[in-house]
Amino acid sequence: MTSNLSSSSSSSTSPPIVLVTGISGYIASHIAQLLFHSGYIVRGTVRSLKQKEKYQHLYTLYHTVNNTNLQLYEADLNNPSEYWKPIIEGCTYVLHVASPFPASTPKDIEKELIKPAVNGTLHILQAIQLINKNDRPKRIVLTSSAAAVYSGHFPESHIFTELDWSKLDTPDIPVLAYSRSKTLAEQAAWKFIKDLSEDNMIEFCTINPGFVFGPLLSNTPCTSIEPLVRLLLGLMPAVPDIIFPGVDVRDVAKAHILAMTNPHANNKRFICSPYTVPIRNIAKLLANEFHPYSYPVPTKNLPNFLFTLGTYFDSALASVKDMISVRPQFSNQQSESILGITWHSSDSMILDMAYSLIYHKIIPDKSKNKQLSIPFTKLQVDIQGIEIVK
């Protein structure tokens, strides 16, 4: 069940233990890296300890910092609360990041997407209630999504805030399966918190990022890379009119840790989506950067009717068909004023992701004799403003 990369001390002077669910994932790996560099003891869950290739990069992140502990546990979102209880025991904070994010819509949406997202969240909250009151984590931070804020709306004339919720049954506005899963999971969590007695109340908040860009820390592909992979490899003949509400993964990770300890963050949602990024702008940026190195990035515009036709033959396209011509805008004031987040530029989040795909060999290096320089290797870990709070 557990694999300790370094033994942790039971001394009262030890740094707090932070549980990060799904720690080998895209966002969670960045969270773990920041926690390592900030001096926390990190406990993480993975689906299988036998699949070392999926969490091997954590060893590298771990060994870059002295006096840091990493503890790995095997867990699944479908595991009951009794299974999660010993994993959570001893943790000062819980960052629940794990949630299904498939590249295409699964055949059984309820079984493969909705239930794991909702039940996984509730199992963790229920497990905390099984722990002695004085030994429970101080705060739980849930990774939700901007998709739980704006889906099902006509968004053009509205700037979304944390007071907004997605409408799952709006006539004529289909809601993506992923958006539905994130909305239902977050709503279930808030209902659970609201229904707790005053004696059993726990501190809770959510991070609601837009579509996440930025560098990968491992060679394990994730759904977030799909648009850039298709563009860099020329897997689409032209570029559709899709707008991404975007954010850098490094900012999302930092928001989690700041929300974990900020005394004013309890009982709040935090939208992290500072950019509205047309995929056509992404294509132009990538073309300017990578055309000299033989990457066939398309720049022609794809008419909407052709994109719609393509969704019948490509399940990945079908999963984003409802984003055509939708331009949601968000207020990030709460993340900026309470958490103090400052954002990476939109260009850097795109280019750093692209270079990381090449660096990790997820896509081939096509530069041949042109000696492509990969600045991803020089990225810095920004822990400014993060400090241990016991």
Protein backbone atom coordinates (compact mmCIF):
# COMPACT_ATOMS: atom_id res chain seq x y z
CA MET A 1 0.00 0.00 0.00
CA THR A 2 2.81 2.40 0.75
CA SER A 3 6.28 3.13 -0.51
CA ASN A 4 8.44 5.57 1.45
CA LEU A 5 11.16 7.23 -0.60
CA SER A 6 12.52 8.63 2.63
CA SER A 7 11.43 7.91 6.16
CA SER A 8 9.61 10.71 7.94
CA SER A 9 10.17 11.64 11.52
CA SER A 10 7.36 11.54 14.03
CA SER A 11 8.88 14.43 15.96
CA SER A 12 6.58 17.36 16.73
CA THR A 13 9.14 19.58 15.03
CA SER A 14 8.72 17.82 11.69
CA PRO A 15 7.24 19.85 8.84
CA PRO A 16 3.53 19.34 8.15
CA ILE A 17 2.50 16.43 5.93
CA VAL A 18 0.47 17.36 2.84
CA LEU A 19 -1.54 14.72 0.99
CA VAL A 20 -1.72 15.22 -2.79
CA THR A 21 -4.09 12.80 -4.51
CA GLY A 22 -3.14 11.69 -8.01
CA ILE A 23 0.35 13.04 -7.35
CA SER A 24 1.86 11.76 -10.60
CA GLY A 25 -0.55 13.82 -12.70
CA TYR A 26 0.12 17.02 -14.62
CA ILE A 27 -1.07 19.60 -12.09
CA ALA A 28 -0.28 17.48 -9.04
CA SER A 29 3.38 17.02 -10.05
CA HIS A 30 3.82 20.78 -10.08
CA ILE A 31 2.12 21.01 -6.69
CA ALA A 32 4.48 18.34 -5.34
CA GLN A 33 7.52 20.18 -6.69
CA LEU A 34 6.50 23.40 -4.94
CA LEU A 35 5.81 21.55 -1.71
CA PHE A 36 9.24 19.86 -1.89
CA HIS A 37 11.01 23.16 -2.41
CA SER A 38 8.98 24.78 0.37
CA GLY A 39 10.04 22.12 2.89
CA TYR A 40 6.81 20.20 3.39
CA ILE A 41 6.60 16.43 3.80
CA VAL A 42 4.62 15.17 0.83
CA ARG A 43 2.31 12.18 0.81
CA GLY A 44 0.86 11.20 -2.54
CA THR A 45 -1.50 8.65 -4.01
CA VAL A 46 -1.05 6.81 -7.30
CA ARG A 47 -3.27 4.23 -8.94
CA SER A 48 -0.62 1.53 -8.90
CA LEU A 49 2.75 1.36 -7.20
CA LYS A 50 3.74 -1.30 -9.73
CA GLN A 51 3.65 1.19 -12.61
CA LYS A 52 6.82 2.99 -11.58
CA GLU A 53 7.26 4.62 -14.96
CA LYS A 54 4.22 6.82 -14.22
CA TYR A 55 5.67 8.32 -11.04
CA GLN A 56 9.41 7.92 -11.64
CA HIS A 57 9.76 11.66 -12.26
CA LEU A 58 8.79 12.31 -8.63
CA TYR A 59 12.11 10.78 -7.59
CA THR A 60 13.89 13.45 -9.62
CA LEU A 61 11.80 16.23 -8.12
CA TYR A 62 12.35 14.74 -4.68
CA HIS A 63 16.11 14.41 -4.94
CA THR A 64 16.58 18.01 -6.06
CA VAL A 65 15.77 19.18 -2.54
CA ASN A 66 17.48 18.15 0.69
CA ASN A 67 15.65 17.06 3.84
CA THR A 68 12.38 16.38 2.09
CA ASN A 69 10.21 13.31 2.51
CA LEU A 70 7.97 11.70 -0.07
CA GLN A 71 5.51 8.95 0.83
CA LEU A 72 3.55 7.14 -1.86
CA TYR A 73 0.32 5.22 -1.35
CA GLU A 74 -1.77 3.19 -3.74
CA ALA A 75 -5.35 4.42 -3.96
CA ASP A 76 -8.24 4.74 -6.37
CA LEU A 77 -11.12 7.22 -6.40
CA ASN A 78 -13.53 4.31 -6.07
CA ASN A 79 -11.94 3.14 -2.81
CA PRO A 80 -14.30 3.61 0.16
CA SER A 81 -13.71 6.12 2.94
CA GLU A 82 -12.39 3.38 5.25
CA TYR A 83 -9.56 2.78 2.77
CA TRP A 84 -8.69 6.50 2.63
CA LYS A 85 -8.72 7.00 6.40
CA PRO A 86 -5.18 5.65 7.15
CA ILE A 87 -3.80 7.51 4.13
CA ILE A 88 -5.16 10.81 5.43
CA GLU A 89 -4.28 10.24 9.08
CA GLY A 90 -1.31 12.36 10.15
CA CYS A 91 -1.77 14.89 7.34
CA THR A 92 -2.10 18.57 8.16
CA TYR A 93 -3.52 19.42 4.74
CA VAL A 94 -5.22 17.52 1.91
CA LEU A 95 -5.05 18.65 -1.72
CA HIS A 96 -7.55 16.54 -3.65
CA VAL A 97 -6.34 16.90 -7.23
CA ALA A 98 -7.19 13.50 -8.75
CA SER A 99 -10.16 13.40 -11.11
CA PRO A 100 -10.84 11.74 -14.47
CA PHE A 101 -9.97 13.94 -17.47
CA PRO A 102 -10.23 11.77 -20.60
CA ALA A 103 -9.12 13.01 -24.01
CA SER A 104 -12.40 11.82 -25.52
CA THR A 105 -15.85 11.20 -24.12
CA PRO A 106 -16.00 7.70 -22.56
CA LYS A 107 -18.67 5.24 -23.62
CA ASP A 108 -20.08 4.96 -20.11
CA ILE A 109 -19.99 8.56 -18.87
CA GLU A 110 -21.65 7.78 -15.56
CA LYS A 111 -19.32 4.91 -14.63
CA GLU A 112 -16.05 6.23 -16.02
CA LEU A 113 -16.39 9.95 -15.39
CA ILE A 114 -19.23 11.10 -13.14
CA LYS A 115 -19.09 8.51 -10.36
CA PRO A 116 -15.29 8.55 -9.86
CA ALA A 117 -15.28 12.36 -9.72
CA VAL A 118 -18.20 12.66 -7.30
CA ASN A 119 -17.61 9.58 -5.18
CA GLY A 120 -13.86 10.09 -4.96
CA THR A 121 -14.40 13.56 -3.53
CA LEU A 122 -17.04 12.37 -1.06
CA HIS A 123 -14.97 9.36 0.04
CA ILE A 124 -12.13 11.64 1.08
CA LEU A 125 -14.41 14.05 2.93
CA GLN A 126 -16.12 11.12 4.64
CA ALA A 127 -12.77 9.58 5.59
CA ILE A 128 -11.79 12.78 7.36
CA GLN A 129 -14.90 12.47 9.51
CA LEU A 130 -13.69 9.03 10.62
CA ILE A 131 -10.53 10.56 12.11
CA ASN A 132 -10.43 11.86 15.66
CA LYS A 133 -11.49 15.50 15.62
CA ASN A 134 -8.22 16.80 17.06
CA ASP A 135 -6.17 14.88 14.50
CA ARG A 136 -8.00 15.88 11.34
CA PRO A 137 -6.39 17.91 8.55
CA LYS A 138 -6.66 21.65 8.98
CA ARG A 139 -7.92 22.29 5.49
CA ILE A 140 -8.92 20.48 2.31
CA VAL A 141 -8.39 22.08 -1.10
CA LEU A 142 -10.33 20.58 -4.00
CA THR A 143 -9.20 20.94 -7.61
CA SER A 144 -12.39 21.84 -9.41
CA SER A 145 -12.59 23.65 -12.75
CA ALA A 146 -13.81 26.78 -14.47
CA ALA A 147 -16.01 24.25 -16.28
CA ALA A 148 -18.03 24.12 -13.05
CA VAL A 149 -18.59 27.87 -13.35
CA TYR A 150 -19.55 28.76 -16.93
CA SER A 151 -20.90 25.66 -18.71
CA GLY A 152 -24.49 25.82 -19.89
CA HIS A 153 -24.54 29.63 -20.07
CA PHE A 154 -24.60 32.12 -22.93
CA PRO A 155 -21.28 33.64 -21.83
CA GLU A 156 -20.51 36.42 -24.29
CA SER A 157 -21.97 39.30 -22.26
CA HIS A 158 -21.12 38.04 -18.79
CA ILE A 159 -17.92 38.03 -16.75
CA PHE A 160 -18.04 34.95 -14.55
CA THR A 161 -17.15 35.05 -10.86
CA GLU A 162 -17.03 32.51 -8.05
CA LEU A 163 -20.73 33.14 -7.44
CA ASP A 164 -21.60 31.54 -10.78
CA TRP A 165 -22.34 27.85 -11.26
CA SER A 166 -22.66 25.85 -14.44
CA LYS A 167 -26.18 25.07 -15.60
CA LEU A 168 -26.35 21.41 -16.54
CA ASP A 169 -29.83 21.39 -18.08
CA THR A 170 -30.01 24.56 -20.17
CA PRO A 171 -32.04 23.95 -23.35
CA ASP A 172 -30.02 24.21 -26.57
CA ILE A 173 -26.66 24.38 -24.74
CA PRO A 174 -25.15 20.91 -24.43
CA VAL A 175 -22.72 20.51 -21.52
CA LEU A 176 -19.54 18.47 -22.00
CA ALA A 177 -19.32 15.28 -19.96
CA TYR A 178 -16.16 16.53 -18.23
CA SER A 179 -17.86 19.82 -17.29
CA ARG A 180 -20.76 17.87 -15.85
CA SER A 181 -18.45 15.68 -13.76
CA LYS A 182 -16.55 18.65 -12.30
CA THR A 183 -19.74 20.56 -11.54
CA LEU A 184 -21.43 17.63 -9.82
CA ALA A 185 -18.29 16.75 -7.84
CA GLU A 186 -17.82 20.29 -6.55
CA GLN A 187 -21.50 20.73 -5.75
CA ALA A 188 -21.48 17.44 -3.83
CA ALA A 189 -18.46 18.61 -1.85
CA TRP A 190 -20.00 21.94 -0.89
CA LYS A 191 -23.25 20.22 0.12
CA PHE A 192 -21.27 17.80 2.29
CA ILE A 193 -19.49 20.70 4.00
CA LYS A 194 -22.73 22.64 4.48
CA ASP A 195 -24.46 19.64 6.04
CA LEU A 196 -21.76 19.07 8.67
CA SER A 197 -22.58 19.91 12.25
CA GLU A 198 -20.69 22.80 13.81
CA ASP A 199 -18.67 20.37 15.93
CA ASN A 200 -17.52 18.45 12.84
CA MET A 201 -16.92 21.41 10.52
CA ILE A 202 -13.74 21.29 8.42
CA GLU A 203 -12.05 24.05 6.45
CA PHE A 204 -12.53 23.71 2.71
CA CYS A 205 -11.96 25.67 -0.50
CA THR A 206 -11.70 25.01 -4.23
CA ILE A 207 -9.43 26.00 -7.10
CA ASN A 208 -11.27 26.46 -10.40
CA PRO A 209 -8.74 26.64 -13.25
CA GLY A 210 -9.49 27.14 -16.91
CA PHE A 211 -7.82 24.96 -19.53
CA VAL A 212 -4.34 24.31 -18.19
CA PHE A 213 -1.23 24.96 -20.27
CA GLY A 214 2.41 25.18 -19.24
CA PRO A 215 5.34 22.73 -19.02
CA LEU A 216 5.06 19.05 -18.19
CA LEU A 217 7.35 17.58 -15.55
CA SER A 218 7.25 14.03 -16.90
CA ASN A 219 7.01 12.08 -20.15
CA THR A 220 3.50 10.84 -19.31
CA PRO A 221 0.98 12.35 -21.75
CA CYS A 222 -2.16 14.03 -20.42
CA THR A 223 -5.32 15.42 -21.96
CA SER A 224 -4.13 19.03 -21.64
CA ILE A 225 -1.43 18.48 -24.26
CA GLU A 226 -3.87 17.41 -26.99
CA PRO A 227 -4.28 20.81 -28.71
CA LEU A 228 -0.53 21.50 -28.90
CA VAL A 229 0.36 17.98 -30.04
CA ARG A 230 -2.14 18.22 -32.87
CA LEU A 231 -0.84 21.62 -33.91
CA LEU A 232 2.88 20.82 -33.68
CA LEU A 233 2.53 17.58 -35.60
CA GLY A 234 0.14 19.02 -38.19
CA LEU A 235 -2.58 16.53 -37.29
CA MET A 236 -5.29 19.00 -38.28
CA PRO A 237 -5.40 20.62 -41.74
CA ALA A 238 -6.66 23.95 -40.42
CA VAL A 239 -7.49 25.62 -37.12
CA PRO A 240 -11.04 25.78 -35.71
CA ASP A 241 -12.68 28.72 -33.95
CA ILE A 242 -12.17 27.39 -30.42
CA ILE A 243 -11.39 29.67 -27.50
CA PHE A 244 -9.66 28.31 -24.42
CA PRO A 245 -10.09 29.99 -21.02
CA GLY A 246 -6.41 29.45 -20.21
CA VAL A 247 -4.02 29.39 -17.25
CA ASP A 248 -0.45 28.25 -16.61
CA VAL A 249 -0.05 25.03 -14.63
CA ARG A 250 2.60 26.68 -12.45
CA ASP A 251 0.09 29.31 -11.34
CA VAL A 252 -2.55 26.67 -10.66
CA ALA A 253 -0.11 24.72 -8.50
CA LYS A 254 0.88 27.79 -6.54
CA ALA A 255 -2.77 28.73 -6.02
CA HIS A 256 -3.37 25.35 -4.35
CA ILE A 257 -0.58 25.82 -1.83
CA LEU A 258 -1.46 29.44 -1.05
CA ALA A 259 -5.12 28.48 -0.60
CA MET A 260 -4.04 25.65 1.67
CA THR A 261 -2.64 28.00 4.32
CA ASN A 262 -4.17 31.44 3.73
CA PRO A 263 -6.48 32.19 6.68
CA HIS A 264 -8.85 34.11 4.38
CA ALA A 265 -9.20 31.29 1.86
CA ASN A 266 -11.52 29.05 3.87
CA ASN A 267 -14.98 28.49 2.42
CA LYS A 268 -14.13 30.14 -0.90
CA ARG A 269 -13.78 29.26 -4.57
CA PHE A 270 -10.85 30.63 -6.56
CA ILE A 271 -11.13 31.05 -10.31
CA CYS A 272 -7.76 30.76 -12.06
CA SER A 273 -8.33 31.66 -15.68
CA PRO A 274 -6.64 34.95 -16.60
CA TYR A 275 -6.54 34.45 -20.38
CA THR A 276 -9.01 33.93 -23.19
CA VAL A 277 -6.85 32.17 -25.76
CA PRO A 278 -8.10 31.43 -29.30
CA ILE A 279 -6.50 28.28 -30.65
CA ARG A 280 -5.87 30.28 -33.83
CA ASN A 281 -3.60 32.60 -31.82
CA ILE A 282 -1.87 29.56 -30.34
CA ALA A 283 -1.27 28.22 -33.84
CA LYS A 284 0.28 31.50 -35.00
CA LEU A 285 2.57 31.62 -31.96
CA LEU A 286 3.70 28.02 -32.48
CA ALA A 287 4.15 28.53 -36.21
CA ASN A 288 6.42 31.53 -35.66
CA GLU A 289 8.48 29.61 -33.13
CA PHE A 290 8.62 26.14 -34.69
CA HIS A 291 8.20 26.44 -38.46
CA PRO A 292 11.98 27.04 -38.77
CA TYR A 293 12.49 23.63 -37.15
CA SER A 294 10.23 21.72 -39.56
CA TYR A 295 7.12 21.49 -37.40
CA PRO A 296 4.10 21.66 -39.76
CA VAL A 297 1.87 23.88 -37.59
CA PRO A 298 -1.31 24.78 -39.54
CA THR A 299 -2.41 28.42 -39.67
CA LYS A 300 -5.38 28.38 -42.05
CA ASN A 301 -8.83 28.83 -40.51
CA LEU A 302 -11.20 25.85 -40.41
CA PRO A 303 -14.84 26.76 -41.10
CA ASN A 304 -17.22 25.75 -38.34
CA PHE A 305 -19.25 23.42 -40.54
CA LEU A 306 -16.12 21.43 -41.44
CA PHE A 307 -15.12 21.18 -37.79
CA THR A 308 -18.62 19.95 -36.93
CA LEU A 309 -18.34 17.36 -39.68
CA GLY A 310 -15.01 16.21 -38.27
CA THR A 311 -16.53 15.56 -34.85
CA TYR A 312 -18.40 12.61 -36.31
CA PHE A 313 -15.12 10.89 -37.11
CA ASP A 314 -12.83 12.06 -34.31
CA SER A 315 -13.88 11.45 -30.69
CA ALA A 316 -11.37 13.99 -29.37
CA LEU A 317 -12.88 16.71 -31.56
CA ALA A 318 -16.35 15.61 -30.50
CA SER A 319 -15.41 16.15 -26.86
CA VAL A 320 -14.83 19.90 -27.50
CA LYS A 321 -17.44 20.56 -30.19
CA ASP A 322 -19.53 22.66 -27.79
CA MET A 323 -16.62 25.10 -27.38
CA ILE A 324 -16.94 26.41 -30.94
CA SER A 325 -17.30 30.21 -30.91
CA VAL A 326 -17.81 30.26 -27.11
CA ARG A 327 -15.78 33.04 -25.45
CA PRO A 328 -16.16 32.90 -21.66
CA GLN A 329 -14.52 35.64 -19.60
CA PHE A 330 -13.67 35.37 -15.93
CA SER A 331 -12.88 37.61 -13.01
CA ASN A 332 -9.70 36.46 -11.29
CA GLN A 333 -9.90 39.18 -8.65
CA GLN A 334 -10.34 36.77 -5.75
CA SER A 335 -7.24 34.72 -6.66
CA GLU A 336 -5.23 37.90 -7.10
CA SER A 337 -6.39 39.81 -4.02
CA ILE A 338 -6.66 36.98 -1.48
CA LEU A 339 -4.01 34.53 -2.70
CA GLY A 340 -1.73 37.13 -4.25
CA ILE A 341 -1.36 35.22 -7.52
CA THR A 342 0.47 36.87 -10.40
CA TRP A 343 0.20 35.14 -13.73
CA HIS A 344 2.75 33.76 -16.17
CA SER A 345 2.28 35.31 -19.59
CA SER A 346 0.01 33.58 -22.08
CA ASP A 347 2.91 33.21 -24.53
CA SER A 348 5.18 31.55 -21.97
CA MET A 349 2.54 29.04 -20.89
CA ILE A 350 2.13 27.93 -24.51
CA LEU A 351 5.79 27.90 -25.53
CA ASP A 352 7.00 26.25 -22.31
CA MET A 353 4.45 23.48 -22.79
CA ALA A 354 5.55 23.02 -26.39
CA TYR A 355 9.23 22.83 -25.51
CA SER A 356 8.51 20.42 -22.66
CA LEU A 357 6.76 18.07 -25.12
CA ILE A 358 9.98 17.95 -27.13
CA TYR A 359 12.21 17.75 -24.06
CA HIS A 360 10.28 14.75 -22.71
CA LYS A 361 10.15 13.14 -26.19
CA ILE A 362 6.35 13.11 -26.25
CA ILE A 363 6.73 14.55 -29.73
CA PRO A 364 9.89 14.06 -31.82
CA ASP A 365 12.64 16.63 -32.17
CA LYS A 366 12.36 17.60 -35.85
CA SER A 367 15.09 20.24 -35.78
CA LYS A 368 17.74 17.82 -37.12
CA ASN A 369 20.87 19.86 -37.76
CA LYS A 370 19.36 23.20 -36.73
CA GLN A 371 20.15 22.59 -33.03
CA LEU A 372 16.87 23.42 -31.38
CA SER A 373 17.59 25.00 -27.99
CA ILE A 374 15.05 23.92 -25.38
CA PRO A 375 14.63 26.63 -22.73
CA PHE A 376 12.40 24.32 -20.71
CA THR A 377 15.51 22.94 -19.01
CA LYS A 378 16.16 26.37 -17.47
CA LEU A 379 12.74 26.87 -15.82
CA GLN A 380 12.85 28.10 -12.25
CA VAL A 381 10.70 26.94 -9.35
CA ASP A 382 8.89 29.95 -7.90
CA ILE A 383 8.20 29.54 -4.18
CA GLN A 384 8.00 33.25 -3.42
CA GLY A 385 5.21 33.87 -0.93
CA ILE A 386 5.00 30.21 0.13
CA GLU A 387 5.98 29.35 3.65
CA ILE A 388 5.35 26.45 6.01
CA VAL A 389 2.27 26.91 8.15
CA LYS A 390 1.79 24.21 10.79
